[in-house]
Amino acid sequence: MGESSAANSIESGRYKYVHDIHKGPPEAIDVHHILLLRSSRKKFILCFFALLLFLTSTFFFLRQGLSVTVLPGSLLVIAIFITLLSRKLVKKESVIIFPAFGVQLETQYGSGRTIRRFVPISKILKPVLNECVTPVTCYWSLALIIRGEEQLMLVFKELYPPVKMLVPIWKALCAAIDVGES
């Protein structure tokens, strides 16, 4: 296998950009990761509110003379809520560029599930940086114009990293498909 070296990383707010370059035969594999930095304070607050909900329901059930068998049900509801909440959380999204073959887009969730999409290099017409403006906010997105598709394919479907993290990925994609950076 080839060597691996972390070239650089950028942190901005809740996101961290890591650029890995894997050198080896037959060609270099260019890997870009966008990680979502999570604070342990949010996890603590979530667990605190779940515990508070459980204790409150326990107090009301015992005070009204209801059966204690209802308590495992409320515990089950809390467990399902926390599980569903943690499954939807994205840990990182990655762009893996295989210069001769294509681009693999990966989304890794908190539950451990990973979704991969592969786009052959011959189908990519051009990578584009879009400024998305809504009545509430403005953010940047990186998308691919795909041959034969009517819509753009978003590179990062779940995360909205700042433009200073998207530009190096955009440049690497342009270099991989030999498109001028205009």
N, C-alpha and C. Protein backbone atom coordinates (compact mmCIF):
# COMPACT_ATOMS: atom_id res chain seq x y z
N MET A 1 0.85 -1.18 0.00
CA MET A 1 0.00 0.00 0.00
C MET A 1 0.89 1.23 0.00
N GLY A 2 0.27 2.37 -0.28
CA GLY A 2 1.01 3.61 -0.34
C GLY A 2 1.16 4.26 1.02
N GLU A 3 1.97 5.30 1.03
CA GLU A 3 2.17 6.05 2.26
C GLU A 3 0.99 6.99 2.48
N SER A 4 0.82 7.40 3.71
CA SER A 4 -0.23 8.36 4.03
C SER A 4 0.38 9.49 4.83
N SER A 5 0.03 10.70 4.44
CA SER A 5 0.52 11.85 5.20
C SER A 5 -0.57 12.90 5.26
N ALA A 6 -0.77 13.46 6.45
CA ALA A 6 -1.75 14.52 6.60
C ALA A 6 -1.10 15.82 6.16
N ALA A 7 -1.59 16.42 5.08
CA ALA A 7 -0.98 17.61 4.53
C ALA A 7 -1.32 18.85 5.35
N ASN A 8 -2.60 19.06 5.61
CA ASN A 8 -2.97 20.23 6.38
C ASN A 8 -4.37 20.06 6.95
N SER A 9 -4.68 20.95 7.89
CA SER A 9 -6.03 20.95 8.45
C SER A 9 -6.40 22.38 8.82
N ILE A 10 -7.70 22.65 8.77
CA ILE A 10 -8.24 23.96 9.10
C ILE A 10 -9.41 23.75 10.05
N GLU A 11 -9.47 24.55 11.10
CA GLU A 11 -10.63 24.52 12.00
C GLU A 11 -11.34 25.85 11.91
N SER A 12 -12.66 25.77 11.83
CA SER A 12 -13.47 26.98 11.77
C SER A 12 -14.82 26.69 12.40
N GLY A 13 -15.06 27.29 13.55
CA GLY A 13 -16.33 27.08 14.23
C GLY A 13 -16.53 25.63 14.62
N ARG A 14 -17.59 25.03 14.10
CA ARG A 14 -17.88 23.64 14.45
C ARG A 14 -17.35 22.64 13.45
N TYR A 15 -16.57 23.09 12.46
CA TYR A 15 -16.06 22.20 11.43
C TYR A 15 -14.53 22.13 11.46
N LYS A 16 -14.02 20.97 11.05
CA LYS A 16 -12.58 20.79 10.89
C LYS A 16 -12.35 20.14 9.53
N TYR A 17 -11.44 20.72 8.76
CA TYR A 17 -11.09 20.21 7.44
C TYR A 17 -9.74 19.52 7.55
N VAL A 18 -9.65 18.29 7.05
CA VAL A 18 -8.40 17.54 7.05
C VAL A 18 -8.14 17.07 5.63
N HIS A 19 -6.93 17.32 5.13
CA HIS A 19 -6.55 16.91 3.78
C HIS A 19 -5.47 15.83 3.89
N ASP A 20 -5.80 14.62 3.47
CA ASP A 20 -4.85 13.51 3.45
C ASP A 20 -4.45 13.23 2.01
N ILE A 21 -3.17 13.01 1.81
CA ILE A 21 -2.69 12.62 0.49
C ILE A 21 -2.05 11.24 0.64
N HIS A 22 -2.57 10.28 -0.08
CA HIS A 22 -2.02 8.92 -0.07
C HIS A 22 -1.18 8.76 -1.33
N LYS A 23 0.11 8.55 -1.15
CA LYS A 23 1.01 8.42 -2.29
C LYS A 23 1.36 6.95 -2.49
N GLY A 24 1.31 6.54 -3.72
CA GLY A 24 1.65 5.17 -4.03
C GLY A 24 1.13 4.80 -5.40
N PRO A 25 1.41 3.58 -5.82
CA PRO A 25 0.98 3.17 -7.15
C PRO A 25 -0.53 3.00 -7.21
N PRO A 26 -1.19 3.19 -8.29
CA PRO A 26 -0.65 3.75 -9.53
C PRO A 26 -0.60 5.27 -9.52
N GLU A 27 -1.52 5.92 -8.84
CA GLU A 27 -1.54 7.38 -8.77
C GLU A 27 -1.89 7.82 -7.35
N ALA A 28 -1.72 9.08 -7.11
CA ALA A 28 -2.04 9.62 -5.78
C ALA A 28 -3.56 9.61 -5.57
N ILE A 29 -3.96 9.26 -4.37
CA ILE A 29 -5.36 9.31 -3.97
C ILE A 29 -5.49 10.52 -3.05
N ASP A 30 -6.37 11.41 -3.41
CA ASP A 30 -6.54 12.67 -2.69
C ASP A 30 -7.80 12.57 -1.82
N VAL A 31 -7.64 12.67 -0.49
CA VAL A 31 -8.76 12.51 0.44
C VAL A 31 -8.96 13.80 1.22
N HIS A 32 -10.20 14.28 1.22
CA HIS A 32 -10.58 15.49 1.95
C HIS A 32 -11.69 15.12 2.92
N HIS A 33 -11.51 15.46 4.19
CA HIS A 33 -12.53 15.17 5.22
C HIS A 33 -13.04 16.49 5.79
N ILE A 34 -14.35 16.55 6.02
CA ILE A 34 -14.95 17.63 6.80
C ILE A 34 -15.54 16.96 8.03
N LEU A 35 -14.98 17.27 9.20
CA LEU A 35 -15.45 16.67 10.45
C LEU A 35 -16.30 17.68 11.21
N LEU A 36 -17.35 17.17 11.82
CA LEU A 36 -18.19 18.01 12.67
C LEU A 36 -17.69 17.88 14.10
N LEU A 37 -17.22 18.98 14.65
CA LEU A 37 -16.70 18.98 16.02
C LEU A 37 -17.88 19.08 16.97
N ARG A 38 -17.98 18.15 17.86
CA ARG A 38 -19.08 18.13 18.82
C ARG A 38 -18.52 18.44 20.20
N SER A 39 -19.26 19.20 20.93
CA SER A 39 -18.82 19.49 22.30
C SER A 39 -19.45 18.48 23.24
N SER A 40 -18.71 18.10 24.26
CA SER A 40 -19.24 17.16 25.25
C SER A 40 -20.31 17.83 26.10
N ARG A 41 -20.35 19.15 26.08
CA ARG A 41 -21.37 19.88 26.83
C ARG A 41 -22.76 19.58 26.28
N LYS A 42 -22.90 19.49 24.95
CA LYS A 42 -24.20 19.18 24.36
C LYS A 42 -24.67 17.78 24.75
N LYS A 43 -23.74 16.83 24.77
CA LYS A 43 -24.10 15.47 25.18
C LYS A 43 -24.54 15.46 26.64
N PHE A 44 -23.83 16.21 27.48
CA PHE A 44 -24.18 16.29 28.89
C PHE A 44 -25.57 16.90 29.07
N ILE A 45 -25.85 17.96 28.34
CA ILE A 45 -27.17 18.61 28.44
C ILE A 45 -28.27 17.67 27.97
N LEU A 46 -28.04 16.93 26.89
CA LEU A 46 -29.02 15.97 26.40
C LEU A 46 -29.29 14.88 27.43
N CYS A 47 -28.24 14.33 28.00
CA CYS A 47 -28.41 13.30 29.04
C CYS A 47 -29.09 13.87 30.28
N PHE A 48 -28.75 15.11 30.64
CA PHE A 48 -29.38 15.74 31.79
C PHE A 48 -30.88 15.89 31.59
N PHE A 49 -31.29 16.36 30.40
CA PHE A 49 -32.72 16.52 30.14
C PHE A 49 -33.44 15.18 30.07
N ALA A 50 -32.78 14.14 29.53
CA ALA A 50 -33.39 12.81 29.51
C ALA A 50 -33.59 12.30 30.94
N LEU A 51 -32.59 12.49 31.79
CA LEU A 51 -32.71 12.08 33.19
C LEU A 51 -33.78 12.89 33.91
N LEU A 52 -33.83 14.19 33.64
CA LEU A 52 -34.85 15.05 34.23
C LEU A 52 -36.25 14.62 33.80
N LEU A 53 -36.41 14.26 32.53
CA LEU A 53 -37.70 13.78 32.04
C LEU A 53 -38.10 12.49 32.74
N PHE A 54 -37.14 11.58 32.89
CA PHE A 54 -37.42 10.31 33.56
C PHE A 54 -37.81 10.53 35.02
N LEU A 55 -37.05 11.37 35.72
CA LEU A 55 -37.35 11.62 37.14
C LEU A 55 -38.69 12.33 37.32
N THR A 56 -39.01 13.26 36.43
CA THR A 56 -40.30 13.95 36.50
C THR A 56 -41.45 12.98 36.27
N SER A 57 -41.31 12.13 35.25
CA SER A 57 -42.38 11.16 34.99
C SER A 57 -42.51 10.17 36.15
N THR A 58 -41.39 9.77 36.74
CA THR A 58 -41.43 8.88 37.90
C THR A 58 -42.16 9.54 39.07
N PHE A 59 -41.86 10.80 39.32
CA PHE A 59 -42.51 11.53 40.41
C PHE A 59 -44.02 11.61 40.20
N PHE A 60 -44.44 11.97 38.98
CA PHE A 60 -45.88 12.10 38.73
C PHE A 60 -46.59 10.76 38.77
N PHE A 61 -45.94 9.71 38.27
CA PHE A 61 -46.57 8.38 38.30
C PHE A 61 -46.75 7.90 39.73
N LEU A 62 -45.74 8.08 40.56
CA LEU A 62 -45.84 7.63 41.95
C LEU A 62 -46.78 8.52 42.76
N ARG A 63 -46.82 9.78 42.47
CA ARG A 63 -47.68 10.70 43.21
C ARG A 63 -49.16 10.44 42.92
N GLN A 64 -49.48 10.08 41.68
CA GLN A 64 -50.87 9.83 41.32
C GLN A 64 -51.28 8.40 41.62
N GLY A 65 -50.39 7.60 42.13
CA GLY A 65 -50.72 6.23 42.50
C GLY A 65 -50.81 5.29 41.31
N LEU A 66 -50.19 5.65 40.21
CA LEU A 66 -50.21 4.77 39.04
C LEU A 66 -49.23 3.63 39.23
N SER A 67 -49.38 2.65 38.42
CA SER A 67 -48.53 1.47 38.50
C SER A 67 -47.09 1.81 38.14
N VAL A 68 -46.17 1.12 38.78
CA VAL A 68 -44.75 1.31 38.51
C VAL A 68 -44.38 0.67 37.17
N THR A 69 -45.24 -0.15 36.61
CA THR A 69 -44.94 -0.79 35.32
C THR A 69 -44.94 0.22 34.17
N VAL A 70 -45.47 1.42 34.39
CA VAL A 70 -45.45 2.45 33.36
C VAL A 70 -44.04 3.04 33.22
N LEU A 71 -43.25 2.96 34.27
CA LEU A 71 -41.91 3.54 34.26
C LEU A 71 -40.99 2.92 33.21
N PRO A 72 -40.96 1.60 33.04
CA PRO A 72 -40.12 1.06 31.97
C PRO A 72 -40.54 1.56 30.59
N GLY A 73 -41.83 1.83 30.42
CA GLY A 73 -42.30 2.38 29.15
C GLY A 73 -41.73 3.76 28.89
N SER A 74 -41.71 4.60 29.93
CA SER A 74 -41.14 5.94 29.75
C SER A 74 -39.64 5.86 29.52
N LEU A 75 -38.99 4.91 30.17
CA LEU A 75 -37.56 4.71 29.95
C LEU A 75 -37.29 4.27 28.51
N LEU A 76 -38.16 3.41 27.99
CA LEU A 76 -38.03 2.95 26.60
C LEU A 76 -38.21 4.11 25.63
N VAL A 77 -39.18 4.98 25.89
CA VAL A 77 -39.40 6.14 25.02
C VAL A 77 -38.17 7.05 25.02
N ILE A 78 -37.57 7.27 26.18
CA ILE A 78 -36.37 8.09 26.27
C ILE A 78 -35.21 7.45 25.51
N ALA A 79 -35.05 6.14 25.64
CA ALA A 79 -33.97 5.43 24.94
C ALA A 79 -34.16 5.51 23.43
N ILE A 80 -35.40 5.35 22.97
CA ILE A 80 -35.67 5.45 21.53
C ILE A 80 -35.38 6.86 21.03
N PHE A 81 -35.77 7.86 21.81
CA PHE A 81 -35.53 9.25 21.44
C PHE A 81 -34.03 9.53 21.29
N ILE A 82 -33.25 9.10 22.25
CA ILE A 82 -31.80 9.33 22.20
C ILE A 82 -31.16 8.56 21.05
N THR A 83 -31.61 7.34 20.80
CA THR A 83 -31.08 6.54 19.70
C THR A 83 -31.38 7.19 18.36
N LEU A 84 -32.62 7.62 18.15
CA LEU A 84 -32.98 8.27 16.90
C LEU A 84 -32.22 9.57 16.71
N LEU A 85 -32.02 10.30 17.78
CA LEU A 85 -31.29 11.56 17.69
C LEU A 85 -29.83 11.33 17.33
N SER A 86 -29.21 10.30 17.91
CA SER A 86 -27.79 10.06 17.64
C SER A 86 -27.57 9.44 16.27
N ARG A 87 -28.54 8.73 15.71
CA ARG A 87 -28.37 8.13 14.39
C ARG A 87 -28.32 9.17 13.30
N LYS A 88 -29.07 10.24 13.44
CA LYS A 88 -29.13 11.26 12.40
C LYS A 88 -27.92 12.18 12.42
N LEU A 89 -27.14 12.14 13.49
CA LEU A 89 -26.00 13.03 13.61
C LEU A 89 -24.88 12.58 12.68
N VAL A 90 -24.36 13.50 11.91
CA VAL A 90 -23.28 13.22 10.99
C VAL A 90 -21.96 13.48 11.69
N LYS A 91 -21.04 12.50 11.61
CA LYS A 91 -19.71 12.68 12.20
C LYS A 91 -18.77 13.36 11.21
N LYS A 92 -18.78 12.85 9.96
CA LYS A 92 -17.91 13.46 8.96
C LYS A 92 -18.40 13.13 7.56
N GLU A 93 -18.00 13.98 6.63
CA GLU A 93 -18.24 13.74 5.22
C GLU A 93 -16.89 13.84 4.52
N SER A 94 -16.67 12.94 3.56
CA SER A 94 -15.37 12.86 2.90
C SER A 94 -15.53 12.87 1.39
N VAL A 95 -14.50 13.41 0.74
CA VAL A 95 -14.40 13.37 -0.72
C VAL A 95 -13.09 12.65 -1.02
N ILE A 96 -13.18 11.52 -1.71
CA ILE A 96 -12.00 10.75 -2.08
C ILE A 96 -11.86 10.82 -3.59
N ILE A 97 -10.76 11.40 -4.04
CA ILE A 97 -10.55 11.61 -5.47
C ILE A 97 -9.55 10.58 -5.99
N PHE A 98 -10.03 9.73 -6.90
CA PHE A 98 -9.19 8.78 -7.62
C PHE A 98 -9.00 9.38 -9.01
N PRO A 99 -7.85 10.01 -9.30
CA PRO A 99 -7.72 10.78 -10.54
C PRO A 99 -8.07 10.02 -11.82
N ALA A 100 -7.77 8.77 -11.91
CA ALA A 100 -8.04 8.03 -13.14
C ALA A 100 -9.44 7.42 -13.18
N PHE A 101 -10.10 7.32 -12.03
CA PHE A 101 -11.36 6.58 -11.97
C PHE A 101 -12.58 7.46 -11.68
N GLY A 102 -12.50 8.27 -10.63
CA GLY A 102 -13.66 9.06 -10.26
C GLY A 102 -13.56 9.62 -8.86
N VAL A 103 -14.72 9.98 -8.34
CA VAL A 103 -14.82 10.61 -7.03
C VAL A 103 -15.78 9.81 -6.17
N GLN A 104 -15.34 9.47 -4.96
CA GLN A 104 -16.21 8.79 -4.01
C GLN A 104 -16.58 9.77 -2.91
N LEU A 105 -17.89 9.89 -2.66
CA LEU A 105 -18.41 10.77 -1.62
C LEU A 105 -18.92 9.91 -0.48
N GLU A 106 -18.46 10.17 0.73
CA GLU A 106 -18.84 9.36 1.90
C GLU A 106 -19.46 10.25 2.97
N THR A 107 -20.52 9.73 3.59
CA THR A 107 -21.13 10.38 4.75
C THR A 107 -21.13 9.37 5.88
N GLN A 108 -20.52 9.71 7.01
CA GLN A 108 -20.43 8.82 8.16
C GLN A 108 -21.30 9.38 9.29
N TYR A 109 -22.24 8.55 9.77
CA TYR A 109 -23.19 8.96 10.80
C TYR A 109 -22.71 8.52 12.18
N GLY A 110 -23.30 9.08 13.21
CA GLY A 110 -22.96 8.77 14.59
C GLY A 110 -23.22 7.32 14.95
N SER A 111 -24.15 6.69 14.26
CA SER A 111 -24.47 5.29 14.55
C SER A 111 -23.43 4.34 13.96
N GLY A 112 -22.50 4.86 13.15
CA GLY A 112 -21.50 4.02 12.52
C GLY A 112 -21.83 3.71 11.07
N ARG A 113 -23.04 4.04 10.65
CA ARG A 113 -23.47 3.79 9.27
C ARG A 113 -22.73 4.73 8.33
N THR A 114 -22.30 4.21 7.19
CA THR A 114 -21.61 5.01 6.18
C THR A 114 -22.33 4.86 4.85
N ILE A 115 -22.60 5.99 4.22
CA ILE A 115 -23.22 5.98 2.89
C ILE A 115 -22.17 6.45 1.90
N ARG A 116 -21.97 5.65 0.84
CA ARG A 116 -20.97 5.97 -0.18
C ARG A 116 -21.65 6.15 -1.53
N ARG A 117 -21.18 7.16 -2.26
CA ARG A 117 -21.64 7.39 -3.63
C ARG A 117 -20.40 7.54 -4.50
N PHE A 118 -20.40 6.87 -5.64
CA PHE A 118 -19.25 6.95 -6.55
C PHE A 118 -19.70 7.59 -7.86
N VAL A 119 -18.91 8.54 -8.34
CA VAL A 119 -19.18 9.21 -9.61
C VAL A 119 -17.97 9.01 -10.51
N PRO A 120 -18.13 8.32 -11.65
CA PRO A 120 -17.00 8.15 -12.57
C PRO A 120 -16.50 9.51 -13.08
N ILE A 121 -15.21 9.63 -13.28
CA ILE A 121 -14.60 10.89 -13.70
C ILE A 121 -15.13 11.33 -15.06
N SER A 122 -15.51 10.37 -15.91
CA SER A 122 -16.01 10.70 -17.24
C SER A 122 -17.40 11.34 -17.21
N LYS A 123 -18.14 11.15 -16.12
CA LYS A 123 -19.48 11.74 -16.02
C LYS A 123 -19.48 13.14 -15.41
N ILE A 124 -18.37 13.53 -14.79
CA ILE A 124 -18.30 14.85 -14.15
C ILE A 124 -17.93 15.90 -15.21
N LEU A 125 -18.83 16.85 -15.42
CA LEU A 125 -18.54 17.93 -16.36
C LEU A 125 -17.73 19.03 -15.68
N LYS A 126 -18.16 19.42 -14.47
CA LYS A 126 -17.46 20.49 -13.78
C LYS A 126 -17.89 20.56 -12.32
N PRO A 127 -16.96 20.79 -11.39
CA PRO A 127 -17.33 21.09 -10.00
C PRO A 127 -17.62 22.59 -9.87
N VAL A 128 -18.63 22.93 -9.09
CA VAL A 128 -19.00 24.34 -8.92
C VAL A 128 -19.20 24.67 -7.45
N LEU A 129 -18.85 25.90 -7.09
CA LEU A 129 -19.15 26.44 -5.76
C LEU A 129 -20.38 27.32 -5.89
N ASN A 130 -21.40 27.03 -5.10
CA ASN A 130 -22.65 27.78 -5.13
C ASN A 130 -22.81 28.57 -3.85
N GLU A 131 -23.30 29.80 -3.99
CA GLU A 131 -23.69 30.57 -2.83
C GLU A 131 -25.20 30.42 -2.69
N CYS A 132 -25.65 29.80 -1.62
CA CYS A 132 -27.07 29.53 -1.39
C CYS A 132 -27.61 30.59 -0.44
N VAL A 133 -28.60 31.34 -0.91
CA VAL A 133 -29.17 32.42 -0.13
C VAL A 133 -30.63 32.08 0.18
N THR A 134 -30.97 32.09 1.46
CA THR A 134 -32.35 31.90 1.90
C THR A 134 -32.76 33.16 2.65
N PRO A 135 -34.04 33.31 2.97
CA PRO A 135 -34.44 34.49 3.73
C PRO A 135 -33.80 34.58 5.12
N VAL A 136 -33.34 33.45 5.63
CA VAL A 136 -32.80 33.43 6.99
C VAL A 136 -31.28 33.41 7.02
N THR A 137 -30.65 32.73 6.07
CA THR A 137 -29.20 32.54 6.13
C THR A 137 -28.59 32.50 4.74
N CYS A 138 -27.28 32.48 4.72
CA CYS A 138 -26.52 32.37 3.48
C CYS A 138 -25.38 31.39 3.74
N TYR A 139 -25.18 30.43 2.85
CA TYR A 139 -24.09 29.47 3.01
C TYR A 139 -23.58 29.05 1.64
N TRP A 140 -22.44 28.41 1.62
CA TRP A 140 -21.82 27.94 0.39
C TRP A 140 -21.97 26.43 0.29
N SER A 141 -22.07 25.94 -0.94
CA SER A 141 -22.11 24.50 -1.15
C SER A 141 -21.24 24.16 -2.35
N LEU A 142 -20.73 22.95 -2.34
CA LEU A 142 -19.93 22.43 -3.44
C LEU A 142 -20.76 21.38 -4.15
N ALA A 143 -20.86 21.50 -5.46
CA ALA A 143 -21.70 20.57 -6.23
C ALA A 143 -20.96 20.14 -7.49
N LEU A 144 -21.42 19.05 -8.06
CA LEU A 144 -20.87 18.53 -9.30
C LEU A 144 -21.93 18.61 -10.39
N ILE A 145 -21.54 19.10 -11.57
CA ILE A 145 -22.42 19.05 -12.73
C ILE A 145 -22.14 17.70 -13.38
N ILE A 146 -23.18 16.86 -13.44
CA ILE A 146 -23.04 15.49 -13.94
C ILE A 146 -23.65 15.38 -15.33
N ARG A 147 -22.93 14.74 -16.23
CA ARG A 147 -23.41 14.52 -17.60
C ARG A 147 -24.67 13.66 -17.56
N GLY A 148 -25.74 14.15 -18.21
CA GLY A 148 -26.98 13.39 -18.31
C GLY A 148 -27.93 13.59 -17.13
N GLU A 149 -27.56 14.39 -16.15
CA GLU A 149 -28.41 14.64 -14.99
C GLU A 149 -28.96 16.06 -15.08
N GLU A 150 -30.20 16.24 -14.62
CA GLU A 150 -30.82 17.56 -14.66
C GLU A 150 -30.43 18.41 -13.45
N GLN A 151 -30.13 17.76 -12.33
CA GLN A 151 -29.82 18.50 -11.11
C GLN A 151 -28.35 18.35 -10.74
N LEU A 152 -27.88 19.33 -9.98
CA LEU A 152 -26.52 19.26 -9.45
C LEU A 152 -26.45 18.19 -8.38
N MET A 153 -25.30 17.54 -8.25
CA MET A 153 -25.09 16.58 -7.17
C MET A 153 -24.29 17.28 -6.08
N LEU A 154 -24.90 17.44 -4.91
CA LEU A 154 -24.20 18.07 -3.79
C LEU A 154 -23.11 17.15 -3.27
N VAL A 155 -21.94 17.70 -3.05
CA VAL A 155 -20.83 16.91 -2.51
C VAL A 155 -21.06 16.67 -1.02
N PHE A 156 -21.45 17.70 -0.29
CA PHE A 156 -21.74 17.58 1.14
C PHE A 156 -23.24 17.75 1.33
N LYS A 157 -23.94 16.64 1.53
CA LYS A 157 -25.40 16.69 1.64
C LYS A 157 -25.87 17.12 3.02
N GLU A 158 -25.12 16.80 4.06
CA GLU A 158 -25.57 17.04 5.43
C GLU A 158 -24.90 18.23 6.09
N LEU A 159 -23.64 18.47 5.78
CA LEU A 159 -22.88 19.53 6.44
C LEU A 159 -22.77 20.76 5.54
N TYR A 160 -22.64 21.92 6.16
CA TYR A 160 -22.50 23.17 5.43
C TYR A 160 -21.22 23.87 5.89
N PRO A 161 -20.05 23.36 5.46
CA PRO A 161 -18.79 23.97 5.91
C PRO A 161 -18.58 25.34 5.27
N PRO A 162 -17.74 26.17 5.89
CA PRO A 162 -17.46 27.49 5.33
C PRO A 162 -16.69 27.39 4.02
N VAL A 163 -16.75 28.46 3.24
CA VAL A 163 -16.17 28.46 1.90
C VAL A 163 -14.66 28.23 1.93
N LYS A 164 -13.97 28.67 2.99
CA LYS A 164 -12.51 28.48 3.03
C LYS A 164 -12.13 27.00 3.12
N MET A 165 -13.06 26.14 3.52
CA MET A 165 -12.82 24.69 3.52
C MET A 165 -13.22 24.06 2.19
N LEU A 166 -14.15 24.69 1.49
CA LEU A 166 -14.63 24.14 0.22
C LEU A 166 -13.68 24.44 -0.94
N VAL A 167 -12.98 25.57 -0.89
CA VAL A 167 -12.12 25.98 -2.00
C VAL A 167 -11.01 24.96 -2.29
N PRO A 168 -10.27 24.43 -1.30
CA PRO A 168 -9.23 23.44 -1.63
C PRO A 168 -9.82 22.16 -2.25
N ILE A 169 -11.01 21.78 -1.83
CA ILE A 169 -11.64 20.58 -2.39
C ILE A 169 -12.07 20.87 -3.83
N TRP A 170 -12.61 22.05 -4.06
CA TRP A 170 -13.01 22.46 -5.40
C TRP A 170 -11.80 22.48 -6.34
N LYS A 171 -10.68 23.03 -5.87
CA LYS A 171 -9.46 23.08 -6.69
C LYS A 171 -8.95 21.68 -7.01
N ALA A 172 -9.01 20.77 -6.03
CA ALA A 172 -8.56 19.39 -6.26
C ALA A 172 -9.46 18.69 -7.26
N LEU A 173 -10.76 18.93 -7.17
CA LEU A 173 -11.69 18.33 -8.14
C LEU A 173 -11.45 18.88 -9.54
N CYS A 174 -11.22 20.20 -9.64
CA CYS A 174 -10.92 20.80 -10.95
C CYS A 174 -9.64 20.22 -11.54
N ALA A 175 -8.62 20.04 -10.71
CA ALA A 175 -7.36 19.48 -11.18
C ALA A 175 -7.53 18.03 -11.62
N ALA A 176 -8.38 17.28 -10.92
CA ALA A 176 -8.57 15.86 -11.25
C ALA A 176 -9.28 15.67 -12.58
N ILE A 177 -10.17 16.59 -12.92
CA ILE A 177 -10.89 16.43 -14.19
C ILE A 177 -10.40 17.40 -15.26
N ASP A 178 -9.28 18.09 -14.98
CA ASP A 178 -8.63 18.99 -15.93
C ASP A 178 -9.56 20.09 -16.43
N VAL A 179 -10.20 20.78 -15.50
CA VAL A 179 -11.06 21.92 -15.81
C VAL A 179 -10.36 23.17 -15.31
N GLY A 180 -10.41 24.22 -16.09
CA GLY A 180 -9.83 25.49 -15.65
C GLY A 180 -10.59 26.03 -14.46
N GLU A 181 -9.90 26.71 -13.56
CA GLU A 181 -10.52 27.24 -12.33
C GLU A 181 -11.14 28.61 -12.59
N SER A 182 -12.15 28.66 -13.42
CA SER A 182 -12.80 29.94 -13.72
C SER A 182 -14.15 30.04 -13.09
